[in-house]
Amino acid sequence: MSAPLSRSQRTASASKARGEEGPIEEWPYLDEEVLVASRSSKVCLTCHFFRHHAGVNCIPVLTCQLHQGLLAHGEHLTRRCHRWTEDMARQRGWAPEVA
């Protein structure tokens, strides 16, 4: 007979069942193979897949949901990947991550 699962173990099991990877903080950082320099408004910050989360001690964690990777602080302002895309809401001036 096995011991009951803790809350964190149940959450991890449920995440795996939904096809999610581990905690966001454990995602790998994206490197130069994925991100290229950009001198336009087409940067990670304006991409549909860019997200930020409150990490440990409320330190912001910048992520790309498409690549399931982390962005180093500052790279979201000067880099993008070849799959950059914007959504229709941002074309009308709504960009909550920028605010």
Protein backbone atom coordinates (compact mmCIF):
# COMPACT_ATOMS: atom_id res chain seq x y z
CA MET A 1 0.00 0.00 0.00
CA SER A 2 1.40 3.39 -0.98
CA ALA A 3 1.34 6.57 1.08
CA PRO A 4 -1.11 9.32 0.10
CA LEU A 5 0.27 12.02 -2.19
CA SER A 6 1.03 15.46 -0.82
CA ARG A 7 -0.66 18.52 -2.30
CA SER A 8 2.41 19.42 -4.39
CA GLN A 9 2.67 15.85 -5.69
CA ARG A 10 -1.03 15.89 -6.66
CA THR A 11 -0.56 19.24 -8.43
CA ALA A 12 2.49 17.93 -10.32
CA SER A 13 0.62 14.78 -11.32
CA ALA A 14 -2.35 16.82 -12.53
CA SER A 15 -0.05 19.11 -14.54
CA LYS A 16 1.61 16.14 -16.23
CA ALA A 17 -1.80 14.64 -17.01
CA ARG A 18 -2.80 17.92 -18.72
CA GLY A 19 0.41 17.84 -20.77
CA GLU A 20 2.08 20.72 -18.90
CA GLU A 21 5.76 20.69 -18.12
CA GLY A 22 7.16 21.30 -14.64
CA PRO A 23 7.15 24.62 -12.83
CA ILE A 24 7.91 27.61 -15.02
CA GLU A 25 11.06 28.36 -13.03
CA GLU A 26 12.48 25.02 -14.22
CA TRP A 27 12.08 25.83 -17.93
CA PRO A 28 15.39 26.31 -19.79
CA TYR A 29 16.58 29.76 -20.84
CA LEU A 30 16.27 30.50 -24.55
CA ASP A 31 19.59 31.13 -26.30
CA GLU A 32 20.90 32.63 -29.55
CA GLU A 33 19.71 29.60 -31.53
CA VAL A 34 16.11 30.64 -30.82
CA LEU A 35 16.32 34.39 -30.23
CA VAL A 36 17.74 36.82 -32.76
CA ALA A 37 18.46 40.52 -32.34
CA SER A 38 15.69 42.84 -33.50
CA ARG A 39 15.75 46.59 -34.04
CA SER A 40 12.02 47.02 -34.55
CA SER A 41 8.82 46.72 -32.56
CA LYS A 42 8.83 42.99 -33.31
CA VAL A 43 10.43 41.93 -30.04
CA CYS A 44 9.41 39.37 -27.41
CA LEU A 45 7.64 42.02 -25.32
CA THR A 46 5.13 42.64 -28.12
CA CYS A 47 4.69 38.96 -29.03
CA HIS A 48 1.44 37.08 -28.45
CA PHE A 49 3.32 34.28 -26.65
CA PHE A 50 5.20 36.53 -24.17
CA ARG A 51 4.14 36.23 -20.53
CA HIS A 52 5.50 37.29 -17.18
CA HIS A 53 4.87 35.53 -13.89
CA ALA A 54 5.66 36.23 -10.27
CA GLY A 55 8.48 33.89 -9.38
CA VAL A 56 10.14 33.11 -6.08
CA ASN A 57 10.10 36.17 -3.78
CA CYS A 58 7.88 37.91 -6.38
CA ILE A 59 10.79 38.35 -8.80
CA PRO A 60 9.33 38.56 -12.34
CA VAL A 61 9.96 35.55 -14.56
CA LEU A 62 9.75 36.30 -18.29
CA THR A 63 8.58 33.41 -20.48
CA CYS A 64 7.79 32.38 -24.02
CA GLN A 65 4.78 30.09 -23.99
CA LEU A 66 5.49 28.91 -27.54
CA HIS A 67 9.02 27.66 -26.81
CA GLN A 68 8.30 26.94 -23.13
CA GLY A 69 11.46 28.77 -22.20
CA LEU A 70 12.66 31.60 -20.00
CA LEU A 71 13.94 34.95 -21.22
CA ALA A 72 16.82 36.73 -19.52
CA HIS A 73 15.83 40.18 -18.27
CA GLY A 74 16.40 42.73 -21.00
CA GLU A 75 16.30 40.25 -23.89
CA HIS A 76 12.53 40.67 -24.15
CA LEU A 77 13.22 44.25 -25.31
CA THR A 78 15.85 43.55 -27.98
CA ARG A 79 15.24 40.02 -29.31
CA ARG A 80 12.60 37.87 -30.99
CA CYS A 81 12.28 34.44 -32.57
CA HIS A 82 11.32 33.64 -36.16
CA ARG A 83 7.80 32.68 -34.96
CA TRP A 84 6.99 36.15 -33.54
CA THR A 85 3.30 36.96 -33.82
CA GLU A 86 0.98 39.64 -32.55
CA ASP A 87 -2.67 39.22 -31.67
CA MET A 88 -5.56 41.40 -32.77
CA ALA A 89 -6.04 43.05 -29.35
CA ARG A 90 -2.57 44.57 -29.45
CA GLN A 91 -3.19 46.01 -32.90
CA ARG A 92 -5.93 48.07 -31.25
CA GLY A 93 -3.61 49.31 -28.50
CA TRP A 94 -4.15 46.75 -25.71
CA ALA A 95 -0.94 45.19 -24.40
CA PRO A 96 -1.17 44.33 -20.69
CA GLU A 97 2.45 43.12 -20.44
CA VAL A 98 3.71 46.49 -21.64
CA ALA A 99 1.67 48.55 -19.15
